[in-house]
């Protein structure tokens, strides 16, 4: 029997990429299973390899409303 864990750890079901400084990723948290790999901080005191995570939430009614308003403003009137 294939388990959920088996499925999510199959290479064909994973995408790996490294974000660069200043990069941002936005996803629909209801539809995407996501995670982060660990890393090793250097032994010196250079302060390198820090990770900053910021979570946020959108009220989808507000997003859809703003889209409608902006679309109406940007659509030429006939």
C-alpha atoms as a PDB file:
ATOM      1  CA  UNK A   1       0.000   0.000   0.000  1.00  0.00           C
ATOM      2  CA  UNK A   2       1.353   3.411  -0.990  1.00  0.00           C
ATOM      3  CA  UNK A   3       1.196   5.940   1.824  1.00  0.00           C
ATOM      4  CA  UNK A   4       0.819   9.699   1.649  1.00  0.00           C
ATOM      5  CA  UNK A   5       4.433  10.012   2.802  1.00  0.00           C
ATOM      6  CA  UNK A   6       5.555   7.760  -0.068  1.00  0.00           C
ATOM      7  CA  UNK A   7       3.745   9.968  -2.571  1.00  0.00           C
ATOM      8  CA  UNK A   8       5.048  13.303  -1.329  1.00  0.00           C
ATOM      9  CA  UNK A   9       8.649  12.095  -1.230  1.00  0.00           C
ATOM     10  CA  UNK A  10       8.717  10.782  -4.806  1.00  0.00           C
ATOM     11  CA  UNK A  11      11.089  12.951  -6.868  1.00  0.00           C
ATOM     12  CA  UNK A  12       8.453  13.477  -9.588  1.00  0.00           C
ATOM     13  CA  UNK A  13       6.205  15.158  -6.983  1.00  0.00           C
ATOM     14  CA  UNK A  14       8.852  17.608  -5.750  1.00  0.00           C
ATOM     15  CA  UNK A  15      10.255  20.867  -7.011  1.00  0.00           C
ATOM     16  CA  UNK A  16      13.461  22.172  -5.441  1.00  0.00           C
ATOM     17  CA  UNK A  17      14.851  25.645  -6.016  1.00  0.00           C
ATOM     18  CA  UNK A  18      16.962  28.124  -4.120  1.00  0.00           C
ATOM     19  CA  UNK A  19      15.645  31.617  -3.572  1.00  0.00           C
ATOM     20  CA  UNK A  20      18.151  34.407  -3.989  1.00  0.00           C
ATOM     21  CA  UNK A  21      18.389  37.476  -1.769  1.00  0.00           C
ATOM     22  CA  UNK A  22      15.307  39.628  -2.337  1.00  0.00           C
ATOM     23  CA  UNK A  23      13.262  36.778  -3.866  1.00  0.00           C
ATOM     24  CA  UNK A  24       9.749  36.100  -2.673  1.00  0.00           C
ATOM     25  CA  UNK A  25       7.383  33.227  -3.213  1.00  0.00           C
ATOM     26  CA  UNK A  26       3.604  33.461  -2.952  1.00  0.00           C
ATOM     27  CA  UNK A  27       1.360  30.412  -2.931  1.00  0.00           C
ATOM     28  CA  UNK A  28      -2.168  29.362  -2.188  1.00  0.00           C
ATOM     29  CA  UNK A  29      -1.619  27.556   1.096  1.00  0.00           C
ATOM     30  CA  UNK A  30      -4.844  25.577   0.640  1.00  0.00           C
ATOM     31  CA  UNK A  31      -3.583  23.935  -2.536  1.00  0.00           C
ATOM     32  CA  UNK A  32       0.162  23.569  -2.071  1.00  0.00           C
ATOM     33  CA  UNK A  33       2.049  21.336   0.310  1.00  0.00           C
ATOM     34  CA  UNK A  34       5.329  23.099   0.971  1.00  0.00           C
ATOM     35  CA  UNK A  35       8.395  22.762   3.097  1.00  0.00           C
ATOM     36  CA  UNK A  36      11.985  23.855   3.434  1.00  0.00           C
ATOM     37  CA  UNK A  37      15.203  21.908   3.517  1.00  0.00           C
ATOM     38  CA  UNK A  38      17.582  22.350   6.404  1.00  0.00           C
ATOM     39  CA  UNK A  39      20.968  23.972   6.070  1.00  0.00           C
ATOM     40  CA  UNK A  40      24.144  24.217   8.100  1.00  0.00           C
ATOM     41  CA  UNK A  41      25.234  27.591   9.415  1.00  0.00           C
ATOM     42  CA  UNK A  42      28.948  28.273   8.918  1.00  0.00           C
ATOM     43  CA  UNK A  43      31.241  27.744  11.909  1.00  0.00           C
ATOM     44  CA  UNK A  44      32.726  31.225  11.617  1.00  0.00           C
ATOM     45  CA  UNK A  45      31.096  34.392  12.930  1.00  0.00           C
ATOM     46  CA  UNK A  46      30.417  35.909   9.500  1.00  0.00           C
ATOM     47  CA  UNK A  47      26.701  35.909  10.167  1.00  0.00           C
ATOM     48  CA  UNK A  48      25.983  34.303   6.799  1.00  0.00           C
ATOM     49  CA  UNK A  49      23.125  31.959   5.932  1.00  0.00           C
ATOM     50  CA  UNK A  50      20.246  33.477   7.798  1.00  0.00           C
ATOM     51  CA  UNK A  51      16.673  32.598   6.980  1.00  0.00           C
ATOM     52  CA  UNK A  52      13.842  35.070   7.205  1.00  0.00           C
ATOM     53  CA  UNK A  53      10.292  33.791   6.843  1.00  0.00           C
ATOM     54  CA  UNK A  54       7.270  36.047   6.821  1.00  0.00           C
ATOM     55  CA  UNK A  55       3.789  34.613   6.700  1.00  0.00           C
ATOM     56  CA  UNK A  56       0.765  36.518   5.604  1.00  0.00           C
ATOM     57  CA  UNK A  57      -2.855  35.950   4.743  1.00  0.00           C
ATOM     58  CA  UNK A  58      -5.229  37.458   2.237  1.00  0.00           C
ATOM     59  CA  UNK A  59      -8.973  37.578   2.619  1.00  0.00           C
ATOM     60  CA  UNK A  60      -9.969  36.263  -0.814  1.00  0.00           C
ATOM     61  CA  UNK A  61     -13.128  38.393  -0.920  1.00  0.00           C
ATOM     62  CA  UNK A  62     -10.873  41.472  -0.677  1.00  0.00           C
ATOM     63  CA  UNK A  63      -8.520  40.180  -3.374  1.00  0.00           C
ATOM     64  CA  UNK A  64     -11.376  39.450  -5.786  1.00  0.00           C
ATOM     65  CA  UNK A  65     -12.979  42.832  -5.063  1.00  0.00           C
ATOM     66  CA  UNK A  66      -9.716  44.681  -5.719  1.00  0.00           C
ATOM     67  CA  UNK A  67      -9.278  42.747  -8.962  1.00  0.00           C
ATOM     68  CA  UNK A  68     -12.742  43.797 -10.126  1.00  0.00           C
ATOM     69  CA  UNK A  69     -12.087  47.447  -9.208  1.00  0.00           C
ATOM     70  CA  UNK A  70      -8.707  47.524 -10.964  1.00  0.00           C
ATOM     71  CA  UNK A  71     -10.064  45.714 -14.003  1.00  0.00           C
ATOM     72  CA  UNK A  72     -12.890  48.252 -14.289  1.00  0.00           C
ATOM     73  CA  UNK A  73     -10.400  51.148 -14.017  1.00  0.00           C
ATOM     74  CA  UNK A  74      -8.056  49.651 -16.622  1.00  0.00           C
ATOM     75  CA  UNK A  75     -10.681  48.536 -19.124  1.00  0.00           C
ATOM     76  CA  UNK A  76     -11.326  51.193 -21.798  1.00  0.00           C
ATOM     77  CA  UNK A  77     -14.921  52.390 -21.783  1.00  0.00           C
ATOM     78  CA  UNK A  78     -16.785  52.098 -25.075  1.00  0.00           C
END
